[in-house]
Amino acid sequence: MTRIRRGYIARRRRTKIRLFVASFRGAHSRLTRTITQQKIRALVSAHRDRDRKKRDFRRLWIARINAVIRGSWVSYSYSKFVHDLHTRQFFLNRKILAQIAISNRNCLYMIFNESIK
């Protein structure tokens, strides 16, 4: 059987993969088989962490709101505050409430007083 010389197509494919992993260290950026494994792993991690980031930010916002609320009223909690907001039909999301809690606490206290009434 005659020998088949692999042409530019395979080389071009490997070069394209190498550009993706150029910043990796050691064999992870040099050996073709290891490069493909690391590329798959990196893409899986990126996909997973995009969902994770949303979860982490929501937890951060909830912690910030809870800290401000508990700092001023002893027997009050985040869950009661959010429940009161929904019963009074104040539809503010947690991101906005956390920004208000950090930048202007008096405004959050006004929202809080309106939700309690």
Protein backbone atom coordinates (compact mmCIF):
# COMPACT_ATOMS: atom_id res chain seq x y z
CA MET A 1 0.00 0.00 0.00
CA THR A 2 1.29 3.42 -0.86
CA ARG A 3 2.03 5.98 1.78
CA ILE A 4 -0.40 8.87 2.07
CA ARG A 5 1.18 12.19 2.90
CA ARG A 6 -1.03 14.27 5.13
CA GLY A 7 -1.39 17.66 3.54
CA TYR A 8 -2.08 21.14 4.68
CA ILE A 9 -5.62 20.40 5.93
CA ALA A 10 -4.51 18.47 9.01
CA ARG A 11 -1.76 20.99 9.68
CA ARG A 12 -4.26 23.83 9.39
CA ARG A 13 -6.64 22.11 11.81
CA ARG A 14 -3.87 21.60 14.37
CA THR A 15 -2.70 25.19 13.99
CA LYS A 16 -6.22 26.43 14.65
CA ILE A 17 -6.40 24.36 17.83
CA ARG A 18 -2.94 25.57 18.87
CA LEU A 19 -4.07 29.18 18.62
CA PHE A 20 -6.81 28.44 21.15
CA VAL A 21 -4.39 26.95 23.71
CA ALA A 22 -1.43 29.24 23.07
CA SER A 23 -1.47 30.58 26.62
CA PHE A 24 -1.49 27.15 28.29
CA ARG A 25 1.67 25.87 29.97
CA GLY A 26 3.92 22.95 29.07
CA ALA A 27 2.65 20.05 27.01
CA HIS A 28 -0.88 21.48 27.14
CA SER A 29 0.16 23.94 24.44
CA ARG A 30 2.61 21.74 22.50
CA LEU A 31 1.39 18.17 22.09
CA THR A 32 -1.54 17.70 19.73
CA ARG A 33 -3.42 15.04 21.68
CA THR A 34 -3.02 16.90 24.96
CA ILE A 35 -4.06 20.14 23.25
CA THR A 36 -7.36 18.67 22.10
CA GLN A 37 -8.09 17.30 25.58
CA GLN A 38 -7.30 20.62 27.23
CA LYS A 39 -9.40 22.52 24.71
CA ILE A 40 -12.42 20.33 25.47
CA ARG A 41 -11.82 20.72 29.18
CA ALA A 42 -11.51 24.51 28.91
CA LEU A 43 -14.72 24.82 26.94
CA VAL A 44 -16.61 22.62 29.41
CA SER A 45 -15.34 24.74 32.31
CA ALA A 46 -16.30 27.96 30.55
CA HIS A 47 -19.81 26.69 29.88
CA ARG A 48 -20.27 25.48 33.45
CA ASP A 49 -18.90 28.67 35.01
CA ARG A 50 -21.16 30.95 33.00
CA ASP A 51 -24.10 29.40 34.84
CA ARG A 52 -22.13 29.41 38.09
CA LYS A 53 -21.42 33.14 37.81
CA LYS A 54 -25.13 33.97 37.73
CA ARG A 55 -25.67 31.87 40.85
CA ASP A 56 -22.76 33.49 42.68
CA PHE A 57 -23.89 37.03 41.92
CA ARG A 58 -27.41 36.28 43.12
CA ARG A 59 -25.98 34.95 46.40
CA LEU A 60 -23.84 38.09 46.75
CA TRP A 61 -26.82 40.40 46.22
CA ILE A 62 -28.90 38.50 48.76
CA ALA A 63 -26.09 38.65 51.32
CA ARG A 64 -25.70 42.41 50.85
CA ILE A 65 -29.42 43.09 51.23
CA ASN A 66 -29.63 40.83 54.26
CA ALA A 67 -26.66 42.54 55.93
CA VAL A 68 -28.20 45.99 55.59
CA ILE A 69 -31.63 44.87 56.77
CA ARG A 70 -30.34 42.96 59.79
CA GLY A 71 -28.03 45.84 60.68
CA SER A 72 -30.91 48.17 61.36
CA TRP A 73 -33.78 45.92 62.50
CA VAL A 74 -32.96 43.10 64.88
CA SER A 75 -35.87 40.75 64.31
CA TYR A 76 -36.18 41.26 60.57
CA SER A 77 -34.65 39.14 57.81
CA TYR A 78 -34.16 39.13 54.07
CA SER A 79 -36.89 36.58 53.44
CA LYS A 80 -39.51 38.64 55.32
CA PHE A 81 -38.40 41.75 53.44
CA VAL A 82 -38.76 40.10 50.02
CA HIS A 83 -42.11 38.63 51.02
CA ASP A 84 -43.37 42.06 52.09
CA LEU A 85 -42.14 43.57 48.82
CA HIS A 86 -44.08 41.02 46.80
CA THR A 87 -47.25 41.38 48.82
CA ARG A 88 -47.13 45.14 48.31
CA GLN A 89 -46.28 44.53 44.62
CA PHE A 90 -42.95 46.34 44.63
CA PHE A 91 -41.20 44.48 41.84
CA LEU A 92 -37.54 45.34 42.35
CA ASN A 93 -35.00 42.69 41.51
CA ARG A 94 -32.20 41.72 43.86
CA LYS A 95 -29.48 43.40 41.84
CA ILE A 96 -31.15 46.81 42.09
CA LEU A 97 -31.91 46.33 45.79
CA ALA A 98 -28.26 45.42 46.46
CA GLN A 99 -27.03 48.50 44.60
CA ILE A 100 -29.42 50.67 46.60
CA ALA A 101 -28.26 48.99 49.82
CA ILE A 102 -24.62 49.82 49.06
CA SER A 103 -24.94 53.30 47.61
CA ASN A 104 -27.91 54.79 49.47
CA ARG A 105 -29.11 53.05 52.60
CA ASN A 106 -31.66 55.73 53.39
CA CYS A 107 -33.45 54.93 50.15
CA LEU A 108 -33.53 51.24 51.10
CA TYR A 109 -34.93 52.19 54.51
CA MET A 110 -37.68 54.17 52.76
CA ILE A 111 -38.52 51.16 50.59
CA PHE A 112 -38.49 49.01 53.69
CA ASN A 113 -40.87 51.31 55.58
CA GLU A 114 -43.26 51.36 52.61
CA SER A 115 -43.23 47.56 52.40
CA ILE A 116 -44.03 47.17 56.12
CA LYS A 117 -47.07 49.48 56.12
